[in-house]
Amino acid sequence: MAENTESVRGRPRDRARQRAVLDATRELLAEGGYEALTLAAVSRRAGVGRPLLYQWWGSKAALVQETLFTRPPGIRGPDEAMPFADTVTAMVREMVQHQSRPEYRRGLPGLIADMVADPDLQRRADDDYIAPIRAHYRAVFARGIAAGEVRPDTDGAAVLDTLRGAVMLHTLVGPALDTEALVRHLAGIVLHGVLLHPSR
């Protein structure tokens, strides 16, 4: 998940109005899902004009991308001073917690459909949101390789993509494991696969 960023459209965003819009979008996604969401409803809930939403985001899909793919309040990233195995577990936990949120579960399927139909939306997601996370995973696994803990052929970006698919399936399709059980399950699979001498 990327951090919230300034808009590239027009003037810099007012932080308070940006937060109000993203909060309203989260609430409406959790209540009605992607298909029922409209920019008119978001503008009413956030107390801002609809033209502002078009100026800053341009479309419903772009607004939902930022809402779902940036780190919301209450979810913290891992402490990079932790041992490698603990860092990986914390990264898995962050992903599971984020994708378990009701707005993510109810908003992602419709957003994915629009992204499949619009390559520009997919490129925006890759460039603005996924690329920074991919770079972070590469850096974490590169440190593990340099420390002699991780297999030298490990590709941190490939690990990220594998986790994204696994977490999506577990959280969207009738999750059979609770959050912590899913974290242990997925982190254990990753660590067993990448550590030179797995101990757990």
N, C-alpha and C. Protein backbone atom coordinates (compact mmCIF):
# COMPACT_ATOMS: atom_id res chain seq x y z
N MET A 1 0.84 -1.19 0.00
CA MET A 1 0.00 0.00 0.00
C MET A 1 0.87 1.24 0.00
N ALA A 2 0.54 2.15 -0.84
CA ALA A 2 1.27 3.39 -0.89
C ALA A 2 0.69 4.38 0.11
N GLU A 3 1.50 5.36 0.45
CA GLU A 3 1.01 6.43 1.31
C GLU A 3 0.17 7.40 0.48
N ASN A 4 -0.71 8.18 1.16
CA ASN A 4 -1.48 9.18 0.45
C ASN A 4 -0.54 10.19 -0.20
N THR A 5 -0.88 10.65 -1.41
CA THR A 5 -0.03 11.57 -2.14
C THR A 5 -0.82 12.78 -2.56
N GLU A 6 -0.10 13.85 -2.92
CA GLU A 6 -0.74 15.03 -3.48
C GLU A 6 -1.29 14.70 -4.86
N SER A 7 -2.32 15.43 -5.26
CA SER A 7 -2.87 15.23 -6.59
C SER A 7 -1.93 15.76 -7.65
N VAL A 8 -1.92 15.11 -8.82
CA VAL A 8 -1.18 15.63 -9.96
C VAL A 8 -2.10 16.45 -10.85
N ARG A 9 -3.38 16.54 -10.50
CA ARG A 9 -4.34 17.30 -11.30
C ARG A 9 -4.50 18.69 -10.71
N GLY A 10 -4.21 19.72 -11.49
CA GLY A 10 -4.49 21.07 -11.04
C GLY A 10 -3.66 21.46 -9.82
N ARG A 11 -4.32 22.23 -8.95
CA ARG A 11 -3.64 22.75 -7.76
C ARG A 11 -3.45 21.66 -6.71
N PRO A 12 -2.47 21.87 -5.80
CA PRO A 12 -2.31 20.89 -4.71
C PRO A 12 -3.60 20.74 -3.93
N ARG A 13 -3.82 19.55 -3.43
CA ARG A 13 -5.05 19.28 -2.70
C ARG A 13 -5.04 19.90 -1.32
N ASP A 14 -6.23 20.28 -0.88
CA ASP A 14 -6.43 20.65 0.51
C ASP A 14 -6.55 19.36 1.31
N ARG A 15 -5.68 19.18 2.30
CA ARG A 15 -5.60 17.90 3.01
C ARG A 15 -6.92 17.54 3.70
N ALA A 16 -7.57 18.52 4.29
CA ALA A 16 -8.81 18.22 5.02
C ALA A 16 -9.90 17.73 4.07
N ARG A 17 -10.04 18.40 2.92
CA ARG A 17 -11.06 17.97 1.96
C ARG A 17 -10.69 16.62 1.33
N GLN A 18 -9.41 16.42 1.08
CA GLN A 18 -8.98 15.12 0.54
C GLN A 18 -9.33 14.00 1.51
N ARG A 19 -9.04 14.22 2.80
CA ARG A 19 -9.34 13.21 3.82
C ARG A 19 -10.85 12.97 3.91
N ALA A 20 -11.63 14.04 3.82
CA ALA A 20 -13.08 13.89 3.89
C ALA A 20 -13.61 13.07 2.72
N VAL A 21 -13.06 13.29 1.53
CA VAL A 21 -13.49 12.54 0.35
C VAL A 21 -13.12 11.07 0.48
N LEU A 22 -11.88 10.78 0.88
CA LEU A 22 -11.45 9.39 1.01
C LEU A 22 -12.24 8.68 2.10
N ASP A 23 -12.50 9.37 3.21
CA ASP A 23 -13.30 8.76 4.28
C ASP A 23 -14.72 8.46 3.80
N ALA A 24 -15.31 9.41 3.07
CA ALA A 24 -16.66 9.21 2.55
C ALA A 24 -16.69 8.04 1.57
N THR A 25 -15.67 7.93 0.75
CA THR A 25 -15.62 6.84 -0.23
C THR A 25 -15.50 5.50 0.48
N ARG A 26 -14.66 5.42 1.52
CA ARG A 26 -14.55 4.17 2.29
C ARG A 26 -15.90 3.78 2.88
N GLU A 27 -16.59 4.75 3.47
CA GLU A 27 -17.88 4.46 4.10
C GLU A 27 -18.90 3.96 3.08
N LEU A 28 -18.97 4.63 1.95
CA LEU A 28 -19.96 4.27 0.94
C LEU A 28 -19.64 2.93 0.29
N LEU A 29 -18.37 2.63 0.09
CA LEU A 29 -18.00 1.32 -0.43
C LEU A 29 -18.41 0.22 0.55
N ALA A 30 -18.14 0.44 1.84
CA ALA A 30 -18.50 -0.56 2.84
C ALA A 30 -20.01 -0.75 2.91
N GLU A 31 -20.76 0.32 2.68
CA GLU A 31 -22.22 0.23 2.78
C GLU A 31 -22.86 -0.39 1.54
N GLY A 32 -22.40 -0.03 0.35
CA GLY A 32 -23.11 -0.44 -0.85
C GLY A 32 -22.28 -1.10 -1.93
N GLY A 33 -20.96 -1.12 -1.77
CA GLY A 33 -20.11 -1.73 -2.79
C GLY A 33 -19.79 -0.78 -3.92
N TYR A 34 -18.98 -1.27 -4.84
CA TYR A 34 -18.45 -0.45 -5.93
C TYR A 34 -19.55 -0.02 -6.90
N GLU A 35 -20.39 -0.95 -7.29
CA GLU A 35 -21.38 -0.65 -8.32
C GLU A 35 -22.35 0.44 -7.87
N ALA A 36 -22.68 0.48 -6.58
CA ALA A 36 -23.64 1.47 -6.08
C ALA A 36 -23.00 2.83 -5.81
N LEU A 37 -21.69 2.90 -5.80
CA LEU A 37 -21.00 4.15 -5.48
C LEU A 37 -21.13 5.14 -6.63
N THR A 38 -21.45 6.39 -6.31
CA THR A 38 -21.47 7.47 -7.30
C THR A 38 -20.67 8.65 -6.77
N LEU A 39 -20.13 9.45 -7.68
CA LEU A 39 -19.41 10.64 -7.24
C LEU A 39 -20.36 11.64 -6.59
N ALA A 40 -21.62 11.65 -7.02
CA ALA A 40 -22.60 12.53 -6.38
C ALA A 40 -22.77 12.17 -4.92
N ALA A 41 -22.87 10.87 -4.62
CA ALA A 41 -23.02 10.43 -3.24
C ALA A 41 -21.78 10.76 -2.42
N VAL A 42 -20.60 10.58 -3.02
CA VAL A 42 -19.36 10.91 -2.32
C VAL A 42 -19.31 12.40 -2.01
N SER A 43 -19.67 13.24 -2.98
CA SER A 43 -19.60 14.69 -2.75
C SER A 43 -20.56 15.10 -1.63
N ARG A 44 -21.77 14.50 -1.61
CA ARG A 44 -22.72 14.83 -0.53
C ARG A 44 -22.17 14.39 0.82
N ARG A 45 -21.67 13.16 0.90
CA ARG A 45 -21.17 12.64 2.18
C ARG A 45 -19.96 13.43 2.68
N ALA A 46 -19.09 13.84 1.74
CA ALA A 46 -17.86 14.54 2.13
C ALA A 46 -18.07 16.04 2.31
N GLY A 47 -19.21 16.57 1.80
CA GLY A 47 -19.45 18.00 1.91
C GLY A 47 -18.59 18.83 0.98
N VAL A 48 -18.30 18.29 -0.20
CA VAL A 48 -17.52 19.03 -1.20
C VAL A 48 -18.28 19.00 -2.52
N GLY A 49 -17.93 19.89 -3.43
CA GLY A 49 -18.58 19.93 -4.72
C GLY A 49 -18.13 18.80 -5.63
N ARG A 50 -19.07 18.32 -6.45
CA ARG A 50 -18.71 17.26 -7.38
C ARG A 50 -17.62 17.68 -8.37
N PRO A 51 -17.60 18.95 -8.85
CA PRO A 51 -16.52 19.34 -9.77
C PRO A 51 -15.13 19.13 -9.17
N LEU A 52 -15.03 19.26 -7.84
CA LEU A 52 -13.73 19.04 -7.20
C LEU A 52 -13.27 17.59 -7.37
N LEU A 53 -14.21 16.65 -7.29
CA LEU A 53 -13.85 15.24 -7.45
C LEU A 53 -13.33 14.97 -8.86
N TYR A 54 -13.98 15.58 -9.85
CA TYR A 54 -13.51 15.41 -11.23
C TYR A 54 -12.15 16.08 -11.43
N GLN A 55 -11.95 17.22 -10.77
CA GLN A 55 -10.68 17.92 -10.91
C GLN A 55 -9.53 17.10 -10.32
N TRP A 56 -9.77 16.50 -9.15
CA TRP A 56 -8.69 15.80 -8.46
C TRP A 56 -8.52 14.35 -8.91
N TRP A 57 -9.63 13.69 -9.26
CA TRP A 57 -9.54 12.26 -9.59
C TRP A 57 -9.96 11.94 -11.03
N GLY A 58 -10.93 12.64 -11.55
CA GLY A 58 -11.33 12.43 -12.93
C GLY A 58 -12.38 11.36 -13.15
N SER A 59 -12.44 10.36 -12.28
CA SER A 59 -13.42 9.28 -12.45
C SER A 59 -13.63 8.55 -11.13
N LYS A 60 -14.73 7.82 -11.07
CA LYS A 60 -15.01 7.00 -9.89
C LYS A 60 -13.90 5.98 -9.67
N ALA A 61 -13.47 5.33 -10.75
CA ALA A 61 -12.47 4.28 -10.61
C ALA A 61 -11.16 4.82 -10.06
N ALA A 62 -10.74 6.00 -10.51
CA ALA A 62 -9.50 6.58 -10.01
C ALA A 62 -9.62 6.94 -8.53
N LEU A 63 -10.78 7.44 -8.14
CA LEU A 63 -11.00 7.76 -6.72
C LEU A 63 -10.97 6.49 -5.88
N VAL A 64 -11.62 5.43 -6.34
CA VAL A 64 -11.63 4.19 -5.58
C VAL A 64 -10.24 3.57 -5.53
N GLN A 65 -9.46 3.69 -6.61
CA GLN A 65 -8.08 3.21 -6.57
C GLN A 65 -7.32 3.86 -5.42
N GLU A 66 -7.38 5.18 -5.34
CA GLU A 66 -6.64 5.85 -4.27
C GLU A 66 -7.18 5.45 -2.90
N THR A 67 -8.50 5.33 -2.80
CA THR A 67 -9.10 4.97 -1.52
C THR A 67 -8.65 3.58 -1.06
N LEU A 68 -8.62 2.62 -1.96
CA LEU A 68 -8.30 1.25 -1.58
C LEU A 68 -6.80 0.98 -1.53
N PHE A 69 -6.03 1.64 -2.38
CA PHE A 69 -4.63 1.27 -2.53
C PHE A 69 -3.67 2.12 -1.72
N THR A 70 -4.17 3.07 -0.94
CA THR A 70 -3.31 3.80 -0.02
C THR A 70 -3.58 3.32 1.40
N ARG A 71 -2.57 3.45 2.24
CA ARG A 71 -2.68 2.94 3.61
C ARG A 71 -3.67 3.78 4.40
N PRO A 72 -4.74 3.18 4.90
CA PRO A 72 -5.72 3.94 5.67
C PRO A 72 -5.24 4.15 7.11
N PRO A 73 -5.92 5.04 7.84
CA PRO A 73 -5.56 5.22 9.25
C PRO A 73 -5.69 3.91 10.03
N GLY A 74 -4.78 3.70 10.97
CA GLY A 74 -4.89 2.53 11.85
C GLY A 74 -4.09 1.32 11.41
N ILE A 75 -3.47 1.37 10.23
CA ILE A 75 -2.63 0.26 9.78
C ILE A 75 -1.21 0.76 9.67
N ARG A 76 -0.31 0.14 10.41
CA ARG A 76 1.09 0.56 10.42
C ARG A 76 1.94 -0.41 9.62
N GLY A 77 2.96 0.14 8.97
CA GLY A 77 3.91 -0.70 8.26
C GLY A 77 4.90 -1.31 9.23
N PRO A 78 5.71 -2.27 8.75
CA PRO A 78 6.66 -2.95 9.62
C PRO A 78 7.82 -2.05 10.01
N ASP A 79 8.41 -2.34 11.16
CA ASP A 79 9.62 -1.68 11.63
C ASP A 79 10.80 -2.36 10.93
N GLU A 80 11.53 -1.61 10.11
CA GLU A 80 12.59 -2.22 9.32
C GLU A 80 13.79 -2.66 10.15
N ALA A 81 13.80 -2.32 11.43
CA ALA A 81 14.89 -2.78 12.30
C ALA A 81 14.65 -4.20 12.80
N MET A 82 13.48 -4.77 12.54
CA MET A 82 13.17 -6.12 13.00
C MET A 82 13.97 -7.15 12.22
N PRO A 83 14.14 -8.34 12.79
CA PRO A 83 14.76 -9.43 12.03
C PRO A 83 13.97 -9.73 10.77
N PHE A 84 14.63 -10.35 9.80
CA PHE A 84 14.01 -10.57 8.49
C PHE A 84 12.69 -11.32 8.61
N ALA A 85 12.65 -12.43 9.34
CA ALA A 85 11.43 -13.22 9.44
C ALA A 85 10.29 -12.41 10.05
N ASP A 86 10.60 -11.60 11.05
CA ASP A 86 9.57 -10.77 11.68
C ASP A 86 9.10 -9.68 10.72
N THR A 87 10.02 -9.14 9.92
CA THR A 87 9.66 -8.12 8.95
C THR A 87 8.69 -8.69 7.91
N VAL A 88 8.99 -9.89 7.40
CA VAL A 88 8.11 -10.52 6.42
C VAL A 88 6.73 -10.78 7.03
N THR A 89 6.71 -11.28 8.26
CA THR A 89 5.43 -11.54 8.92
C THR A 89 4.64 -10.25 9.08
N ALA A 90 5.32 -9.16 9.43
CA ALA A 90 4.64 -7.87 9.59
C ALA A 90 4.10 -7.36 8.25
N MET A 91 4.84 -7.57 7.17
CA MET A 91 4.36 -7.15 5.86
C MET A 91 3.14 -7.95 5.43
N VAL A 92 3.17 -9.25 5.71
CA VAL A 92 2.00 -10.08 5.41
C VAL A 92 0.81 -9.62 6.25
N ARG A 93 1.05 -9.34 7.53
CA ARG A 93 -0.04 -8.89 8.40
C ARG A 93 -0.65 -7.59 7.89
N GLU A 94 0.20 -6.66 7.47
CA GLU A 94 -0.31 -5.39 6.95
C GLU A 94 -1.20 -5.62 5.73
N MET A 95 -0.77 -6.50 4.82
CA MET A 95 -1.56 -6.77 3.63
C MET A 95 -2.89 -7.43 3.99
N VAL A 96 -2.85 -8.40 4.88
CA VAL A 96 -4.08 -9.10 5.27
C VAL A 96 -5.04 -8.15 5.96
N GLN A 97 -4.55 -7.34 6.88
CA GLN A 97 -5.42 -6.39 7.58
C GLN A 97 -6.05 -5.41 6.59
N HIS A 98 -5.25 -4.92 5.65
CA HIS A 98 -5.76 -3.94 4.70
C HIS A 98 -6.83 -4.55 3.80
N GLN A 99 -6.55 -5.74 3.27
CA GLN A 99 -7.50 -6.33 2.33
C GLN A 99 -8.70 -6.96 3.03
N SER A 100 -8.67 -7.07 4.34
CA SER A 100 -9.81 -7.58 5.09
C SER A 100 -10.82 -6.50 5.43
N ARG A 101 -10.47 -5.25 5.20
CA ARG A 101 -11.38 -4.15 5.53
C ARG A 101 -12.63 -4.24 4.65
N PRO A 102 -13.81 -3.89 5.19
CA PRO A 102 -15.05 -4.06 4.42
C PRO A 102 -15.07 -3.27 3.13
N GLU A 103 -14.50 -2.05 3.12
CA GLU A 103 -14.53 -1.27 1.89
C GLU A 103 -13.66 -1.92 0.80
N TYR A 104 -12.59 -2.60 1.21
CA TYR A 104 -11.72 -3.27 0.24
C TYR A 104 -12.43 -4.49 -0.34
N ARG A 105 -13.03 -5.28 0.54
CA ARG A 105 -13.69 -6.49 0.07
C ARG A 105 -14.89 -6.18 -0.83
N ARG A 106 -15.60 -5.09 -0.56
CA ARG A 106 -16.78 -4.75 -1.35
C ARG A 106 -16.45 -3.86 -2.56
N GLY A 107 -15.29 -3.23 -2.52
CA GLY A 107 -14.94 -2.33 -3.62
C GLY A 107 -14.02 -2.94 -4.67
N LEU A 108 -13.18 -3.90 -4.27
CA LEU A 108 -12.16 -4.39 -5.18
C LEU A 108 -12.71 -5.13 -6.40
N PRO A 109 -13.69 -6.04 -6.26
CA PRO A 109 -14.13 -6.78 -7.46
C PRO A 109 -14.60 -5.87 -8.60
N GLY A 110 -15.41 -4.87 -8.30
CA GLY A 110 -15.87 -3.95 -9.34
C GLY A 110 -14.74 -3.12 -9.91
N LEU A 111 -13.82 -2.69 -9.05
CA LEU A 111 -12.68 -1.91 -9.53
C LEU A 111 -11.82 -2.75 -10.47
N ILE A 112 -11.58 -4.00 -10.12
CA ILE A 112 -10.78 -4.88 -10.98
C ILE A 112 -11.42 -4.99 -12.36
N ALA A 113 -12.74 -5.14 -12.41
CA ALA A 113 -13.43 -5.24 -13.70
C ALA A 113 -13.18 -3.99 -14.55
N ASP A 114 -13.25 -2.82 -13.93
CA ASP A 114 -12.99 -1.58 -14.68
C ASP A 114 -11.53 -1.48 -15.10
N MET A 115 -10.61 -1.96 -14.26
CA MET A 115 -9.19 -1.91 -14.61
C MET A 115 -8.88 -2.86 -15.76
N VAL A 116 -9.51 -4.01 -15.79
CA VAL A 116 -9.31 -4.94 -16.90
C VAL A 116 -9.78 -4.32 -18.20
N ALA A 117 -10.87 -3.55 -18.14
CA ALA A 117 -11.43 -2.93 -19.34
C ALA A 117 -10.69 -1.67 -19.76
N ASP A 118 -9.88 -1.10 -18.88
CA ASP A 118 -9.21 0.18 -19.16
C ASP A 118 -7.72 0.06 -18.84
N PRO A 119 -6.87 -0.18 -19.82
CA PRO A 119 -5.42 -0.32 -19.56
C PRO A 119 -4.80 0.89 -18.88
N ASP A 120 -5.35 2.09 -19.10
CA ASP A 120 -4.80 3.27 -18.44
C ASP A 120 -4.98 3.19 -16.92
N LEU A 121 -6.13 2.67 -16.49
CA LEU A 121 -6.35 2.49 -15.05
C LEU A 121 -5.36 1.49 -14.48
N GLN A 122 -5.12 0.42 -15.22
CA GLN A 122 -4.17 -0.59 -14.76
C GLN A 122 -2.77 0.01 -14.66
N ARG A 123 -2.37 0.80 -15.65
CA ARG A 123 -1.04 1.42 -15.60
C ARG A 123 -0.93 2.38 -14.43
N ARG A 124 -2.03 3.11 -14.17
CA ARG A 124 -2.00 4.03 -13.04
C ARG A 124 -1.82 3.27 -11.72
N ALA A 125 -2.54 2.16 -11.59
CA ALA A 125 -2.40 1.36 -10.37
C ALA A 125 -0.97 0.86 -10.23
N ASP A 126 -0.40 0.36 -11.32
CA ASP A 126 0.97 -0.17 -11.27
C ASP A 126 1.97 0.93 -10.93
N ASP A 127 1.85 2.08 -11.61
CA ASP A 127 2.84 3.15 -11.45
C ASP A 127 2.72 3.86 -10.11
N ASP A 128 1.48 4.17 -9.72
CA ASP A 128 1.29 5.02 -8.54
C ASP A 128 1.22 4.26 -7.22
N TYR A 129 0.75 3.01 -7.26
CA TYR A 129 0.48 2.31 -6.01
C TYR A 129 1.30 1.02 -5.85
N ILE A 130 1.40 0.21 -6.90
CA ILE A 130 2.07 -1.08 -6.76
C ILE A 130 3.58 -0.95 -6.84
N ALA A 131 4.08 -0.08 -7.71
CA ALA A 131 5.53 0.05 -7.90
C ALA A 131 6.27 0.39 -6.59
N PRO A 132 5.78 1.32 -5.76
CA PRO A 132 6.50 1.59 -4.51
C PRO A 132 6.53 0.38 -3.57
N ILE A 133 5.44 -0.39 -3.55
CA ILE A 133 5.42 -1.58 -2.69
C ILE A 133 6.36 -2.64 -3.24
N ARG A 134 6.36 -2.78 -4.56
CA ARG A 134 7.26 -3.76 -5.19
C ARG A 134 8.72 -3.41 -4.88
N ALA A 135 9.06 -2.12 -4.94
CA ALA A 135 10.42 -1.69 -4.62
C ALA A 135 10.76 -1.99 -3.17
N HIS A 136 9.79 -1.82 -2.28
CA HIS A 136 10.01 -2.10 -0.86
C HIS A 136 10.27 -3.60 -0.65
N TYR A 137 9.47 -4.44 -1.27
CA TYR A 137 9.68 -5.88 -1.14
C TYR A 137 11.04 -6.29 -1.69
N ARG A 138 11.41 -5.74 -2.84
CA ARG A 138 12.73 -6.05 -3.39
C ARG A 138 13.83 -5.68 -2.41
N ALA A 139 13.69 -4.51 -1.78
CA ALA A 139 14.72 -4.05 -0.84
C ALA A 139 14.79 -4.95 0.38
N VAL A 140 13.65 -5.34 0.93
CA VAL A 140 13.63 -6.20 2.12
C VAL A 140 14.29 -7.55 1.81
N PHE A 141 13.93 -8.14 0.69
CA PHE A 141 14.48 -9.46 0.35
C PHE A 141 15.94 -9.35 -0.07
N ALA A 142 16.33 -8.23 -0.66
CA ALA A 142 17.75 -8.02 -0.98
C ALA A 142 18.58 -7.94 0.30
N ARG A 143 18.04 -7.30 1.33
CA ARG A 143 18.77 -7.26 2.61
C ARG A 143 18.90 -8.66 3.19
N GLY A 144 17.84 -9.46 3.06
CA GLY A 144 17.91 -10.83 3.56
C GLY A 144 18.95 -11.65 2.82
N ILE A 145 19.04 -11.44 1.50
CA ILE A 145 20.06 -12.14 0.71
C ILE A 145 21.46 -11.70 1.13
N ALA A 146 21.65 -10.37 1.28
CA ALA A 146 22.96 -9.84 1.67
C ALA A 146 23.38 -10.34 3.04
N ALA A 147 22.41 -10.59 3.92
CA ALA A 147 22.72 -11.07 5.27
C ALA A 147 22.95 -12.58 5.30
N GLY A 148 22.78 -13.24 4.17
CA GLY A 148 23.00 -14.69 4.13
C GLY A 148 21.84 -15.49 4.70
N GLU A 149 20.67 -14.87 4.84
CA GLU A 149 19.50 -15.57 5.37
C GLU A 149 18.58 -16.12 4.29
N VAL A 150 18.62 -15.50 3.12
CA VAL A 150 17.62 -15.77 2.08
C VAL A 150 18.31 -16.34 0.84
N ARG A 151 17.63 -17.26 0.18
CA ARG A 151 18.15 -17.85 -1.05
C ARG A 151 18.47 -16.74 -2.06
N PRO A 152 19.64 -16.79 -2.69
CA PRO A 152 20.05 -15.70 -3.59
C PRO A 152 19.20 -15.56 -4.84
N ASP A 153 18.44 -16.60 -5.19
CA ASP A 153 17.59 -16.50 -6.38
C ASP A 153 16.19 -15.97 -6.06
N THR A 154 15.97 -15.52 -4.83
CA THR A 154 14.65 -15.03 -4.44
C THR A 154 14.37 -13.67 -5.07
N ASP A 155 13.20 -13.52 -5.63
CA ASP A 155 12.75 -12.26 -6.26
C ASP A 155 11.66 -11.67 -5.37
N GLY A 156 11.99 -10.60 -4.67
CA GLY A 156 11.02 -9.99 -3.76
C GLY A 156 9.76 -9.53 -4.45
N ALA A 157 9.87 -9.05 -5.69
CA ALA A 157 8.69 -8.61 -6.43
C ALA A 157 7.77 -9.78 -6.73
N ALA A 158 8.35 -10.94 -7.06
CA ALA A 158 7.53 -12.12 -7.33
C ALA A 158 6.83 -12.59 -6.06
N VAL A 159 7.51 -12.48 -4.92
CA VAL A 159 6.89 -12.83 -3.64
C VAL A 159 5.68 -11.93 -3.40
N LEU A 160 5.84 -10.64 -3.65
CA LEU A 160 4.73 -9.71 -3.47
C LEU A 160 3.54 -10.12 -4.33
N ASP A 161 3.77 -10.38 -5.60
CA ASP A 161 2.66 -10.72 -6.50
C ASP A 161 1.98 -12.02 -6.07
N THR A 162 2.77 -12.98 -5.59
CA THR A 162 2.19 -14.23 -5.10
C THR A 162 1.32 -13.97 -3.87
N LEU A 163 1.81 -13.15 -2.96
CA LEU A 163 1.05 -12.82 -1.76
C LEU A 163 -0.22 -12.06 -2.10
N ARG A 164 -0.13 -11.13 -3.03
CA ARG A 164 -1.33 -10.35 -3.40
C ARG A 164 -2.44 -11.28 -3.87
N GLY A 165 -2.10 -12.25 -4.71
CA GLY A 165 -3.11 -13.17 -5.18
C GLY A 165 -3.67 -14.05 -4.08
N ALA A 166 -2.78 -14.54 -3.21
CA ALA A 166 -3.23 -15.42 -2.13
C ALA A 166 -4.12 -14.69 -1.14
N VAL A 167 -3.70 -13.49 -0.75
CA VAL A 167 -4.49 -12.72 0.21
C VAL A 167 -5.84 -12.36 -0.39
N MET A 168 -5.86 -11.98 -1.65
CA MET A 168 -7.12 -11.62 -2.30
C MET A 168 -8.09 -12.80 -2.28
N LEU A 169 -7.60 -13.98 -2.62
CA LEU A 169 -8.47 -15.15 -2.64
C LEU A 169 -9.00 -15.45 -1.24
N HIS A 170 -8.12 -15.44 -0.24
CA HIS A 170 -8.52 -15.79 1.12
C HIS A 170 -9.51 -14.77 1.70
N THR A 171 -9.35 -13.49 1.37
CA THR A 171 -10.19 -12.47 2.00
C THR A 171 -11.49 -12.24 1.26
N LEU A 172 -11.51 -12.48 -0.06
CA LEU A 172 -12.72 -12.21 -0.84
C LEU A 172 -13.66 -13.40 -0.93
N VAL A 173 -13.12 -14.60 -0.92
CA VAL A 173 -13.94 -15.79 -1.16
C VAL A 173 -14.12 -16.55 0.16
N GLY A 174 -15.07 -16.12 0.95
CA GLY A 174 -15.43 -16.83 2.18
C GLY A 174 -14.25 -17.26 3.02
N PRO A 175 -13.54 -16.32 3.65
CA PRO A 175 -12.32 -16.68 4.39
C PRO A 175 -12.56 -17.77 5.42
N ALA A 176 -11.71 -18.81 5.36
CA ALA A 176 -11.83 -19.92 6.31
C ALA A 176 -10.93 -19.72 7.52
N LEU A 177 -9.98 -18.78 7.43
CA LEU A 177 -9.05 -18.53 8.52
C LEU A 177 -9.27 -17.12 9.05
N ASP A 178 -9.11 -16.95 10.37
CA ASP A 178 -9.16 -15.59 10.90
C ASP A 178 -7.87 -14.87 10.54
N THR A 179 -7.82 -13.57 10.84
CA THR A 179 -6.72 -12.74 10.37
C THR A 179 -5.36 -13.28 10.80
N GLU A 180 -5.20 -13.57 12.08
CA GLU A 180 -3.88 -14.01 12.56
C GLU A 180 -3.54 -15.40 12.05
N ALA A 181 -4.53 -16.27 11.94
CA ALA A 181 -4.25 -17.60 11.39
C ALA A 181 -3.81 -17.49 9.94
N LEU A 182 -4.43 -16.58 9.18
CA LEU A 182 -4.05 -16.39 7.79
C LEU A 182 -2.64 -15.80 7.69
N VAL A 183 -2.33 -14.87 8.56
CA VAL A 183 -0.97 -14.29 8.58
C VAL A 183 0.06 -15.38 8.84
N ARG A 184 -0.17 -16.20 9.85
CA ARG A 184 0.78 -17.28 10.16
C ARG A 184 0.92 -18.24 9.00
N HIS A 185 -0.21 -18.59 8.38
CA HIS A 185 -0.22 -19.53 7.27
C HIS A 185 0.61 -19.00 6.10
N LEU A 186 0.34 -17.77 5.67
CA LEU A 186 1.02 -17.23 4.50
C LEU A 186 2.48 -16.89 4.80
N ALA A 187 2.74 -16.30 5.96
CA ALA A 187 4.12 -15.97 6.30
C ALA A 187 4.95 -17.24 6.40
N GLY A 188 4.37 -18.29 6.97
CA GLY A 188 5.09 -19.56 7.09
C GLY A 188 5.45 -20.14 5.74
N ILE A 189 4.53 -20.05 4.78
CA ILE A 189 4.80 -20.56 3.43
C ILE A 189 5.93 -19.76 2.79
N VAL A 190 5.87 -18.43 2.90
CA VAL A 190 6.92 -17.60 2.29
C VAL A 190 8.27 -17.88 2.92
N LEU A 191 8.32 -17.89 4.25
CA LEU A 191 9.61 -18.07 4.93
C LEU A 191 10.19 -19.46 4.64
N HIS A 192 9.36 -20.47 4.62
CA HIS A 192 9.86 -21.81 4.31
C HIS A 192 10.44 -21.86 2.90
N GLY A 193 9.86 -21.07 1.99
CA GLY A 193 10.31 -21.10 0.61
C GLY A 193 11.56 -20.28 0.33
N VAL A 194 11.82 -19.23 1.13
CA VAL A 194 12.92 -18.32 0.78
C VAL A 194 14.12 -18.42 1.71
N LEU A 195 13.92 -18.88 2.95
CA LEU A 195 15.05 -18.90 3.89
C LEU A 195 16.01 -20.03 3.54
N LEU A 196 17.30 -19.74 3.68
CA LEU A 196 18.31 -20.78 3.43
C LEU A 196 18.21 -21.90 4.46
N HIS A 197 17.87 -21.53 5.70
CA HIS A 197 17.76 -22.51 6.78
C HIS A 197 16.48 -22.23 7.55
N PRO A 198 15.33 -22.57 6.99
CA PRO A 198 14.05 -22.25 7.65
C PRO A 198 13.94 -22.95 8.97
N SER A 199 13.49 -22.19 9.97
CA SER A 199 13.32 -22.76 11.30
C SER A 199 11.86 -22.81 11.70
N ARG A 200 10.98 -22.24 10.83
CA ARG A 200 9.56 -22.27 11.17
C ARG A 200 8.75 -22.21 9.91
